[in-house]
Structure formats: C-alpha cells, structure tokens
Amino acid sequence: MRPKTGPHGVYGRLEEPGHVMTRVRDEISARMPTPEEAAVLELLPGVPVLEVPHTSLDQDGVPFEVSRYVHRADQTGLLYELPVE
C-alpha cells in the first residue's frame, strides 16, 4: 500500500510548515545522453535528450523542492502556461 500524502497531496503537506509555492523555475537544455540514459530511454544513436532541472520556490523565494527530469528530445514537447506578475 502506498503512503498517503494527505487531502491536498505533497504540496499541501509542504504548505503545512509554511512553504506556499509562488514560483517555479525550469532550466531546459538539450544535450547528448549519457550511455546509461541512452540505454534506459532506448535511444537510437544521435538522439539528444532534454534535461529539465526544476525548482519550486516559496513565498520568500526559498527553494523547497528540487527535481531533475531527462526526456528524449525526439518524442517530447513542452508547453508552459504561467501567470505574468
């Protein structure tokens, strides 16, 4: 059985100690994969990946969540819809 994150998911749990997500930062770059990434993603030779380090920032500008995604570039599209402050 998977542990429950609560009624509002992981971000609700992070808000309990005072981390209200107000901004996210994604830094997207293209590069060639490592041999391990090429094997896991089943890439043909010459296919690049998109690397996306992601940071969630709270109301004070303090990072409270950091993750890193690696996508195969030949089958990935990115769409962002963000409010403009």
N, C-alpha and C. Protein backbone atom coordinates (compact mmCIF):
# COMPACT_ATOMS: atom_id res chain seq x y z
N MET A 1 0.83 -1.18 0.00
CA MET A 1 0.00 0.00 0.00
C MET A 1 0.88 1.24 0.00
N ARG A 2 0.53 2.21 -0.82
CA ARG A 2 1.29 3.46 -0.90
C ARG A 2 0.92 4.38 0.25
N PRO A 3 1.92 5.08 0.82
CA PRO A 3 1.59 6.04 1.88
C PRO A 3 0.77 7.20 1.33
N LYS A 4 -0.13 7.71 2.13
CA LYS A 4 -0.99 8.83 1.73
C LYS A 4 -0.25 10.15 1.94
N THR A 5 -0.39 11.06 1.00
CA THR A 5 0.23 12.37 1.15
C THR A 5 -0.72 13.38 1.78
N GLY A 6 -1.97 12.99 1.99
CA GLY A 6 -2.93 13.90 2.59
C GLY A 6 -3.93 14.39 1.58
N PRO A 7 -4.92 15.16 2.02
CA PRO A 7 -6.00 15.58 1.14
C PRO A 7 -5.58 16.53 0.02
N HIS A 8 -4.48 17.23 0.18
CA HIS A 8 -4.04 18.18 -0.85
C HIS A 8 -2.72 17.77 -1.48
N GLY A 9 -2.35 16.51 -1.36
CA GLY A 9 -1.14 16.00 -1.99
C GLY A 9 0.13 16.53 -1.35
N VAL A 10 1.23 16.30 -2.03
CA VAL A 10 2.54 16.66 -1.49
C VAL A 10 2.67 18.17 -1.27
N TYR A 11 2.09 18.98 -2.16
CA TYR A 11 2.21 20.43 -1.97
C TYR A 11 1.39 20.90 -0.76
N GLY A 12 0.29 20.23 -0.47
CA GLY A 12 -0.46 20.55 0.73
C GLY A 12 0.36 20.25 1.99
N ARG A 13 1.10 19.15 1.94
CA ARG A 13 1.97 18.81 3.08
C ARG A 13 3.08 19.83 3.25
N LEU A 14 3.61 20.33 2.15
CA LEU A 14 4.68 21.32 2.23
C LEU A 14 4.15 22.68 2.69
N GLU A 15 2.87 22.95 2.46
CA GLU A 15 2.29 24.20 2.94
C GLU A 15 2.09 24.18 4.46
N GLU A 16 1.91 22.99 5.04
CA GLU A 16 1.70 22.90 6.49
C GLU A 16 2.83 23.58 7.28
N PRO A 17 4.12 23.38 6.93
CA PRO A 17 5.18 24.08 7.67
C PRO A 17 5.44 25.49 7.13
N GLY A 18 4.64 25.95 6.16
CA GLY A 18 4.76 27.34 5.72
C GLY A 18 5.34 27.57 4.34
N HIS A 19 5.55 26.52 3.55
CA HIS A 19 6.10 26.68 2.20
C HIS A 19 4.96 26.75 1.18
N VAL A 20 4.53 27.96 0.82
CA VAL A 20 3.49 28.15 -0.18
C VAL A 20 4.18 28.41 -1.52
N MET A 21 3.94 27.53 -2.49
CA MET A 21 4.61 27.66 -3.78
C MET A 21 4.07 28.89 -4.50
N THR A 22 4.98 29.81 -4.84
CA THR A 22 4.58 31.01 -5.57
C THR A 22 5.27 31.12 -6.91
N ARG A 23 6.36 30.37 -7.11
CA ARG A 23 7.08 30.40 -8.39
C ARG A 23 7.72 29.05 -8.63
N VAL A 24 7.90 28.74 -9.90
CA VAL A 24 8.70 27.59 -10.29
C VAL A 24 9.75 28.06 -11.28
N ARG A 25 10.86 27.35 -11.30
CA ARG A 25 11.92 27.67 -12.24
C ARG A 25 12.35 26.37 -12.91
N ASP A 26 12.24 26.32 -14.23
CA ASP A 26 12.72 25.20 -15.03
C ASP A 26 13.80 25.72 -15.95
N GLU A 27 14.94 25.06 -15.96
CA GLU A 27 16.04 25.44 -16.84
C GLU A 27 16.21 24.31 -17.86
N ILE A 28 15.72 24.54 -19.07
CA ILE A 28 15.67 23.48 -20.08
C ILE A 28 16.89 23.59 -20.99
N SER A 29 17.57 22.46 -21.18
CA SER A 29 18.70 22.44 -22.09
C SER A 29 18.71 21.12 -22.86
N ALA A 30 19.25 21.17 -24.05
CA ALA A 30 19.39 19.96 -24.87
C ALA A 30 20.84 19.52 -24.81
N ARG A 31 21.03 18.21 -24.80
CA ARG A 31 22.39 17.65 -24.77
C ARG A 31 22.32 16.21 -25.23
N MET A 32 23.49 15.65 -25.46
CA MET A 32 23.54 14.23 -25.81
C MET A 32 23.44 13.41 -24.52
N PRO A 33 22.80 12.25 -24.57
CA PRO A 33 22.59 11.46 -23.36
C PRO A 33 23.87 10.76 -22.89
N THR A 34 23.89 10.44 -21.61
CA THR A 34 24.93 9.56 -21.10
C THR A 34 24.64 8.15 -21.62
N PRO A 35 25.60 7.26 -21.59
CA PRO A 35 25.32 5.88 -22.02
C PRO A 35 24.18 5.24 -21.22
N GLU A 36 24.11 5.51 -19.92
CA GLU A 36 23.04 4.94 -19.09
C GLU A 36 21.67 5.49 -19.49
N GLU A 37 21.59 6.81 -19.75
CA GLU A 37 20.32 7.41 -20.17
C GLU A 37 19.89 6.86 -21.52
N ALA A 38 20.85 6.71 -22.44
CA ALA A 38 20.52 6.17 -23.77
C ALA A 38 19.94 4.76 -23.65
N ALA A 39 20.49 3.96 -22.75
CA ALA A 39 20.00 2.59 -22.57
C ALA A 39 18.60 2.59 -21.95
N VAL A 40 18.40 3.35 -20.88
CA VAL A 40 17.11 3.37 -20.20
C VAL A 40 16.01 3.93 -21.10
N LEU A 41 16.34 4.99 -21.86
CA LEU A 41 15.36 5.62 -22.74
C LEU A 41 15.24 4.94 -24.10
N GLU A 42 16.07 3.92 -24.33
CA GLU A 42 16.07 3.16 -25.58
C GLU A 42 16.26 4.07 -26.79
N LEU A 43 17.28 4.92 -26.71
CA LEU A 43 17.55 5.90 -27.77
C LEU A 43 18.39 5.30 -28.88
N LEU A 44 18.07 5.70 -30.10
CA LEU A 44 18.93 5.38 -31.23
C LEU A 44 20.14 6.30 -31.18
N PRO A 45 21.26 5.91 -31.78
CA PRO A 45 22.44 6.79 -31.78
C PRO A 45 22.11 8.15 -32.40
N GLY A 46 22.63 9.21 -31.78
CA GLY A 46 22.45 10.55 -32.30
C GLY A 46 21.23 11.28 -31.79
N VAL A 47 20.37 10.64 -30.99
CA VAL A 47 19.16 11.29 -30.47
C VAL A 47 19.52 12.01 -29.17
N PRO A 48 19.28 13.32 -29.10
CA PRO A 48 19.57 14.07 -27.88
C PRO A 48 18.46 13.93 -26.84
N VAL A 49 18.74 14.43 -25.65
CA VAL A 49 17.76 14.49 -24.58
C VAL A 49 17.55 15.94 -24.17
N LEU A 50 16.41 16.18 -23.53
CA LEU A 50 16.15 17.46 -22.87
C LEU A 50 16.31 17.24 -21.38
N GLU A 51 17.14 18.06 -20.76
CA GLU A 51 17.32 17.99 -19.32
C GLU A 51 16.60 19.18 -18.70
N VAL A 52 15.78 18.90 -17.66
CA VAL A 52 14.97 19.94 -17.04
C VAL A 52 15.19 19.90 -15.52
N PRO A 53 16.12 20.71 -15.01
CA PRO A 53 16.17 20.89 -13.56
C PRO A 53 15.00 21.80 -13.15
N HIS A 54 14.22 21.36 -12.18
CA HIS A 54 13.00 22.05 -11.75
C HIS A 54 13.15 22.46 -10.29
N THR A 55 12.80 23.70 -9.98
CA THR A 55 12.85 24.20 -8.60
C THR A 55 11.53 24.89 -8.28
N SER A 56 10.92 24.51 -7.15
CA SER A 56 9.74 25.21 -6.64
C SER A 56 10.22 26.17 -5.56
N LEU A 57 9.75 27.42 -5.63
CA LEU A 57 10.14 28.44 -4.65
C LEU A 57 8.94 28.89 -3.85
N ASP A 58 9.16 29.15 -2.57
CA ASP A 58 8.05 29.57 -1.72
C ASP A 58 7.89 31.09 -1.75
N GLN A 59 6.99 31.58 -0.91
CA GLN A 59 6.63 33.00 -0.88
C GLN A 59 7.81 33.89 -0.52
N ASP A 60 8.88 33.33 0.07
CA ASP A 60 10.06 34.10 0.42
C ASP A 60 11.18 33.93 -0.60
N GLY A 61 10.89 33.22 -1.70
CA GLY A 61 11.91 32.96 -2.71
C GLY A 61 12.87 31.85 -2.34
N VAL A 62 12.52 31.07 -1.32
CA VAL A 62 13.37 29.98 -0.85
C VAL A 62 12.99 28.69 -1.59
N PRO A 63 13.97 28.02 -2.21
CA PRO A 63 13.68 26.74 -2.85
C PRO A 63 13.26 25.70 -1.81
N PHE A 64 12.19 24.95 -2.11
CA PHE A 64 11.77 23.90 -1.18
C PHE A 64 11.55 22.56 -1.88
N GLU A 65 11.62 22.55 -3.19
CA GLU A 65 11.52 21.29 -3.93
C GLU A 65 12.42 21.41 -5.14
N VAL A 66 13.26 20.40 -5.34
CA VAL A 66 14.16 20.37 -6.50
C VAL A 66 14.06 18.99 -7.12
N SER A 67 13.89 18.95 -8.43
CA SER A 67 13.87 17.68 -9.15
C SER A 67 14.56 17.87 -10.49
N ARG A 68 14.88 16.77 -11.13
CA ARG A 68 15.55 16.81 -12.42
C ARG A 68 14.91 15.77 -13.32
N TYR A 69 14.51 16.20 -14.50
CA TYR A 69 13.88 15.31 -15.47
C TYR A 69 14.77 15.22 -16.70
N VAL A 70 14.83 14.05 -17.29
CA VAL A 70 15.53 13.86 -18.56
C VAL A 70 14.55 13.20 -19.52
N HIS A 71 14.28 13.88 -20.64
CA HIS A 71 13.32 13.40 -21.64
C HIS A 71 14.04 13.16 -22.96
N ARG A 72 13.57 12.19 -23.71
CA ARG A 72 14.12 12.01 -25.06
C ARG A 72 13.56 13.13 -25.94
N ALA A 73 14.45 13.82 -26.63
CA ALA A 73 14.07 15.02 -27.38
C ALA A 73 13.26 14.71 -28.63
N ASP A 74 13.35 13.49 -29.15
CA ASP A 74 12.63 13.17 -30.38
C ASP A 74 11.15 12.85 -30.14
N GLN A 75 10.74 12.72 -28.88
CA GLN A 75 9.34 12.39 -28.58
C GLN A 75 8.78 13.26 -27.46
N THR A 76 9.34 14.44 -27.29
CA THR A 76 8.93 15.30 -26.17
C THR A 76 8.60 16.69 -26.66
N GLY A 77 7.54 17.24 -26.14
CA GLY A 77 7.20 18.64 -26.36
C GLY A 77 6.94 19.28 -25.00
N LEU A 78 7.21 20.54 -24.88
CA LEU A 78 6.99 21.24 -23.62
C LEU A 78 6.03 22.39 -23.85
N LEU A 79 5.07 22.55 -22.95
CA LEU A 79 4.11 23.63 -23.00
C LEU A 79 4.04 24.25 -21.62
N TYR A 80 4.21 25.56 -21.55
CA TYR A 80 4.12 26.26 -20.27
C TYR A 80 3.04 27.32 -20.37
N GLU A 81 2.16 27.36 -19.37
CA GLU A 81 1.19 28.43 -19.23
C GLU A 81 1.35 28.96 -17.82
N LEU A 82 1.88 30.16 -17.70
CA LEU A 82 2.18 30.73 -16.40
C LEU A 82 1.58 32.13 -16.29
N PRO A 83 1.09 32.49 -15.12
CA PRO A 83 0.61 33.85 -14.96
C PRO A 83 1.80 34.83 -15.00
N VAL A 84 1.55 36.02 -15.49
CA VAL A 84 2.57 37.05 -15.52
C VAL A 84 2.26 38.01 -14.38
N GLU A 85 3.25 38.20 -13.50
CA GLU A 85 3.04 39.08 -12.34
C GLU A 85 3.29 40.52 -12.71
